C-alpha atoms as a PDB file:
ATOM      1  CA  MET A   1      -8.178 -16.714   1.007  1.00  0.00           C
ATOM      2  CA  GLN A   2      -7.568 -13.175   0.455  1.00  0.00           C
ATOM      3  CA  ARG A   3      -4.393 -11.667   1.433  1.00  0.00           C
ATOM      4  CA  TYR A   4      -3.714  -7.820   2.211  1.00  0.00           C
ATOM      5  CA  TRP A   5      -0.680  -5.493   1.309  1.00  0.00           C
ATOM      6  CA  VAL A   6       0.186  -1.985   2.622  1.00  0.00           C
ATOM      7  CA  VAL A   7       1.366  -0.088  -0.143  1.00  0.00           C
ATOM      8  CA  GLY A   8       3.001   3.320  -0.713  1.00  0.00           C
ATOM      9  CA  GLY A   9       5.716   5.481   0.513  1.00  0.00           C
ATOM     10  CA  GLU A  10       7.250   8.760  -0.691  1.00  0.00           C
ATOM     11  CA  TYR A  11       6.117  10.314  -3.855  1.00  0.00           C
ATOM     12  CA  ARG A  12       7.274  13.238  -6.086  1.00  0.00           C
ATOM     13  CA  ASP A  13       4.160  15.212  -5.700  1.00  0.00           C
ATOM     14  CA  THR A  14       0.794  15.151  -3.937  1.00  0.00           C
ATOM     15  CA  LYS A  15      -0.909  13.462  -7.011  1.00  0.00           C
ATOM     16  CA  PHE A  16       0.773  10.204  -5.608  1.00  0.00           C
ATOM     17  CA  THR A  17       1.459   8.764  -8.965  1.00  0.00           C
ATOM     18  CA  LYS A  18       5.319   8.553  -9.224  1.00  0.00           C
ATOM     19  CA  PRO A  19       7.183   7.322  -6.120  1.00  0.00           C
ATOM     20  CA  LEU A  20      10.305   9.240  -5.236  1.00  0.00           C
ATOM     21  CA  HIS A  21      12.696   6.414  -4.980  1.00  0.00           C
ATOM     22  CA  GLY A  22      11.584   4.373  -8.155  1.00  0.00           C
ATOM     23  CA  ALA A  23       8.877   2.106  -6.997  1.00  0.00           C
ATOM     24  CA  GLU A  24       6.436   1.840  -4.342  1.00  0.00           C
ATOM     25  CA  GLU A  25       6.922  -0.274  -1.152  1.00  0.00           C
ATOM     26  CA  TRP A  26       4.866  -3.332  -0.659  1.00  0.00           C
ATOM     27  CA  ILE A  27       4.540  -4.521   3.041  1.00  0.00           C
ATOM     28  CA  GLY A  28       3.197  -7.953   3.730  1.00  0.00           C
ATOM     29  CA  PRO A  29       1.166 -10.081   2.940  1.00  0.00           C
ATOM     30  CA  PHE A  30      -0.993  -9.946   5.867  1.00  0.00           C
ATOM     31  CA  ASP A  31      -3.840 -12.710   6.265  1.00  0.00           C
ATOM     32  CA  SER A  32      -6.475 -10.242   7.730  1.00  0.00           C
ATOM     33  CA  TYR A  33      -7.605  -6.732   6.788  1.00  0.00           C
ATOM     34  CA  GLN A  34      -7.284  -5.799  10.639  1.00  0.00           C
ATOM     35  CA  ASP A  35      -3.521  -6.837  10.573  1.00  0.00           C
ATOM     36  CA  ALA A  36      -2.934  -4.908   7.417  1.00  0.00           C
ATOM     37  CA  LYS A  37      -4.857  -1.865   8.993  1.00  0.00           C
ATOM     38  CA  ALA A  38      -2.735  -1.959  12.096  1.00  0.00           C
ATOM     39  CA  GLU A  39       0.321  -1.907   9.875  1.00  0.00           C
ATOM     40  CA  TRP A  40      -1.091   0.968   7.574  1.00  0.00           C
ATOM     41  CA  SER A  41      -2.070   3.162  10.568  1.00  0.00           C
ATOM     42  CA  ARG A  42       1.443   2.651  12.238  1.00  0.00           C
ATOM     43  CA  ARG A  43       3.186   3.891   9.008  1.00  0.00           C
ATOM     44  CA  ALA A  44       0.335   6.415   8.311  1.00  0.00           C
ATOM     45  CA  TRP A  45       0.811   8.174  11.851  1.00  0.00           C
ATOM     46  CA  ARG A  46       4.532   7.956  11.681  1.00  0.00           C
ATOM     47  CA  THR A  47       4.679  10.139   8.515  1.00  0.00           C
ATOM     48  CA  VAL A  48       1.190  12.196   9.308  1.00  0.00           C
ATOM     49  CA  ASP A  49       3.255  15.540   8.848  1.00  0.00           C
ATOM     50  CA  ASP A  50       4.723  14.530   5.405  1.00  0.00           C
ATOM     51  CA  ALA A  51       2.489  15.674   2.618  1.00  0.00           C
ATOM     52  CA  HIS A  52       4.238  13.662  -0.100  1.00  0.00           C
ATOM     53  CA  THR A  53       4.115  10.306   1.830  1.00  0.00           C
ATOM     54  CA  ARG A  54       1.011   7.992   1.413  1.00  0.00           C
ATOM     55  CA  TYR A  55       0.015   4.448   2.338  1.00  0.00           C
ATOM     56  CA  ARG A  56      -3.097   2.489   1.154  1.00  0.00           C
ATOM     57  CA  ILE A  57      -4.314  -1.325   1.702  1.00  0.00           C
ATOM     58  CA  GLU A  58      -4.493  -3.439  -1.415  1.00  0.00           C
ATOM     59  CA  SER A  59      -6.134  -6.884  -1.451  1.00  0.00           C
ATOM     60  CA  GLN A  60      -5.214  -9.877  -3.419  1.00  0.00           C
ATOM     61  CA  ASP A  61      -7.322 -13.012  -3.836  1.00  0.00           C
ATOM     62  CA  PRO A  62      -4.974 -15.698  -5.100  1.00  0.00           C
ATOM     63  CA  ASP A  63      -7.846 -17.961  -6.408  1.00  0.00           C
ATOM     64  CA  ALA A  64      -8.902 -14.936  -8.743  1.00  0.00           C
ATOM     65  CA  PRO A  65      -7.642 -14.932 -12.403  1.00  0.00           C
ATOM     66  CA  PRO A  66      -5.245 -11.909 -13.144  1.00  0.00           C
ATOM     67  CA  PRO A  67      -6.533  -8.824 -14.298  1.00  0.00           C
ATOM     68  CA  CYS A  68      -6.819  -8.230 -17.953  1.00  0.00           C
ATOM     69  CA  THR A  69      -4.165  -5.828 -19.348  1.00  0.00           C
ATOM     70  CA  ASP A  70      -5.983  -5.082 -22.673  1.00  0.00           C
END
C-alpha cells in the first residue's frame, strides 16, 4: 500500500534546494493521494504570498526496495 507525505517549508532562495531552518518538514503519512493533496493545498494556500515557501507531495511504497545510492 502506497503512502503519501507532504514535504516542504521555507527555503533560503527560490531554487528550493536548501531549507531555511535546517531540514524540510515532512507531514504525514497519508493513506490516499487525495488526503495528501488536501493537506498540500491547505499549506500551499496559507503561504501563497511567500516566494520562499514551497510544498510538494512525495509517495512511498513500503513494499519497494530502497533506492540505490551508488
